[in-house]
């Protein structure tokens, strides 16, 4: 496992995390739909 100080995540990973934090509890289908809406 990487040292937490050296971990970087992609823009896509950040987008997924923001959607999860905003939605709270969501199914994967709801998460995918929300991310598709964000991409426009």
N, C-alpha and C. Protein backbone atom coordinates (compact mmCIF):
# COMPACT_ATOMS: atom_id res chain seq x y z
N UNK A 1 0.84 -1.18 0.00
CA UNK A 1 0.00 0.00 0.00
C UNK A 1 0.88 1.24 0.00
N UNK A 2 0.48 2.24 -0.79
CA UNK A 2 1.26 3.46 -0.89
C UNK A 2 1.16 4.30 0.38
N UNK A 3 2.20 5.05 0.61
CA UNK A 3 2.19 6.03 1.69
C UNK A 3 1.15 7.10 1.34
N UNK A 4 0.29 7.46 2.27
CA UNK A 4 -0.79 8.42 2.02
C UNK A 4 -0.26 9.76 1.52
N UNK A 5 0.94 10.12 1.85
CA UNK A 5 1.51 11.39 1.41
C UNK A 5 1.83 11.38 -0.08
N UNK A 6 1.97 10.22 -0.67
CA UNK A 6 2.37 10.12 -2.07
C UNK A 6 1.23 9.70 -2.99
N UNK A 7 0.01 9.66 -2.49
CA UNK A 7 -1.12 9.21 -3.29
C UNK A 7 -1.70 10.38 -4.08
N UNK A 8 -1.92 10.16 -5.35
CA UNK A 8 -2.60 11.14 -6.18
C UNK A 8 -3.77 10.44 -6.85
N UNK A 9 -4.84 11.19 -7.10
CA UNK A 9 -5.97 10.60 -7.79
C UNK A 9 -6.30 11.45 -9.02
N UNK A 10 -6.94 10.83 -9.98
CA UNK A 10 -7.26 11.48 -11.24
C UNK A 10 -8.46 12.41 -11.08
N UNK A 11 -8.67 13.25 -12.08
CA UNK A 11 -9.85 14.12 -12.08
C UNK A 11 -11.13 13.30 -12.04
N UNK A 12 -11.14 12.17 -12.73
CA UNK A 12 -12.32 11.30 -12.74
C UNK A 12 -12.59 10.74 -11.34
N UNK A 13 -11.54 10.36 -10.65
CA UNK A 13 -11.70 9.86 -9.29
C UNK A 13 -12.23 10.95 -8.37
N UNK A 14 -11.73 12.19 -8.53
CA UNK A 14 -12.24 13.30 -7.72
C UNK A 14 -13.72 13.53 -8.02
N UNK A 15 -14.09 13.45 -9.30
CA UNK A 15 -15.49 13.66 -9.67
C UNK A 15 -16.37 12.61 -9.01
N UNK A 16 -15.93 11.36 -9.02
CA UNK A 16 -16.70 10.29 -8.38
C UNK A 16 -16.81 10.53 -6.87
N UNK A 17 -15.72 10.93 -6.25
CA UNK A 17 -15.75 11.18 -4.80
C UNK A 17 -16.69 12.33 -4.46
N UNK A 18 -16.66 13.40 -5.25
CA UNK A 18 -17.56 14.53 -4.99
C UNK A 18 -19.02 14.10 -5.12
N UNK A 19 -19.31 13.28 -6.13
CA UNK A 19 -20.69 12.81 -6.30
C UNK A 19 -21.12 11.95 -5.11
N UNK A 20 -20.25 11.08 -4.66
CA UNK A 20 -20.56 10.22 -3.51
C UNK A 20 -20.78 11.06 -2.26
N UNK A 21 -19.89 12.03 -2.00
CA UNK A 21 -20.02 12.88 -0.81
C UNK A 21 -21.31 13.69 -0.87
N UNK A 22 -21.67 14.19 -2.05
CA UNK A 22 -22.88 15.01 -2.20
C UNK A 22 -24.14 14.17 -2.04
N UNK A 23 -24.14 12.99 -2.64
CA UNK A 23 -25.33 12.15 -2.64
C UNK A 23 -25.51 11.38 -1.34
N UNK A 24 -24.44 11.18 -0.62
CA UNK A 24 -24.53 10.36 0.58
C UNK A 24 -24.67 8.91 0.17
N UNK A 25 -25.82 8.32 0.39
CA UNK A 25 -26.07 6.93 0.03
C UNK A 25 -26.63 6.89 -1.39
N UNK A 26 -26.01 6.11 -2.27
CA UNK A 26 -26.48 6.00 -3.65
C UNK A 26 -26.09 4.64 -4.20
N UNK A 27 -26.91 4.17 -5.14
CA UNK A 27 -26.56 2.95 -5.86
C UNK A 27 -25.53 3.31 -6.93
N UNK A 28 -24.89 2.31 -7.48
CA UNK A 28 -23.92 2.57 -8.54
C UNK A 28 -24.62 3.17 -9.76
N UNK A 29 -25.85 2.74 -10.02
CA UNK A 29 -26.62 3.29 -11.15
C UNK A 29 -26.87 4.79 -10.94
N UNK A 30 -27.25 5.17 -9.71
CA UNK A 30 -27.49 6.58 -9.40
C UNK A 30 -26.19 7.39 -9.53
N UNK A 31 -25.09 6.80 -9.11
CA UNK A 31 -23.80 7.47 -9.20
C UNK A 31 -23.40 7.67 -10.67
N UNK A 32 -23.56 6.65 -11.48
CA UNK A 32 -23.24 6.76 -12.90
C UNK A 32 -24.11 7.81 -13.57
N UNK A 33 -25.40 7.81 -13.27
CA UNK A 33 -26.30 8.80 -13.85
C UNK A 33 -25.90 10.23 -13.44
N UNK A 34 -25.56 10.42 -12.18
CA UNK A 34 -25.15 11.74 -11.71
C UNK A 34 -23.87 12.19 -12.39
N UNK A 35 -22.92 11.29 -12.55
CA UNK A 35 -21.66 11.64 -13.20
C UNK A 35 -21.88 11.96 -14.68
N UNK A 36 -22.78 11.25 -15.33
CA UNK A 36 -23.10 11.54 -16.73
C UNK A 36 -23.72 12.92 -16.87
N UNK A 37 -24.56 13.31 -15.91
CA UNK A 37 -25.16 14.63 -15.94
C UNK A 37 -24.09 15.71 -15.77
N UNK A 38 -23.12 15.47 -14.90
CA UNK A 38 -22.06 16.45 -14.68
C UNK A 38 -21.21 16.65 -15.92
N UNK A 39 -21.00 15.59 -16.68
CA UNK A 39 -20.19 15.69 -17.89
C UNK A 39 -20.94 16.41 -19.01
N UNK A 40 -22.28 16.41 -18.93
CA UNK A 40 -23.10 17.11 -19.90
C UNK A 40 -23.16 16.40 -21.18
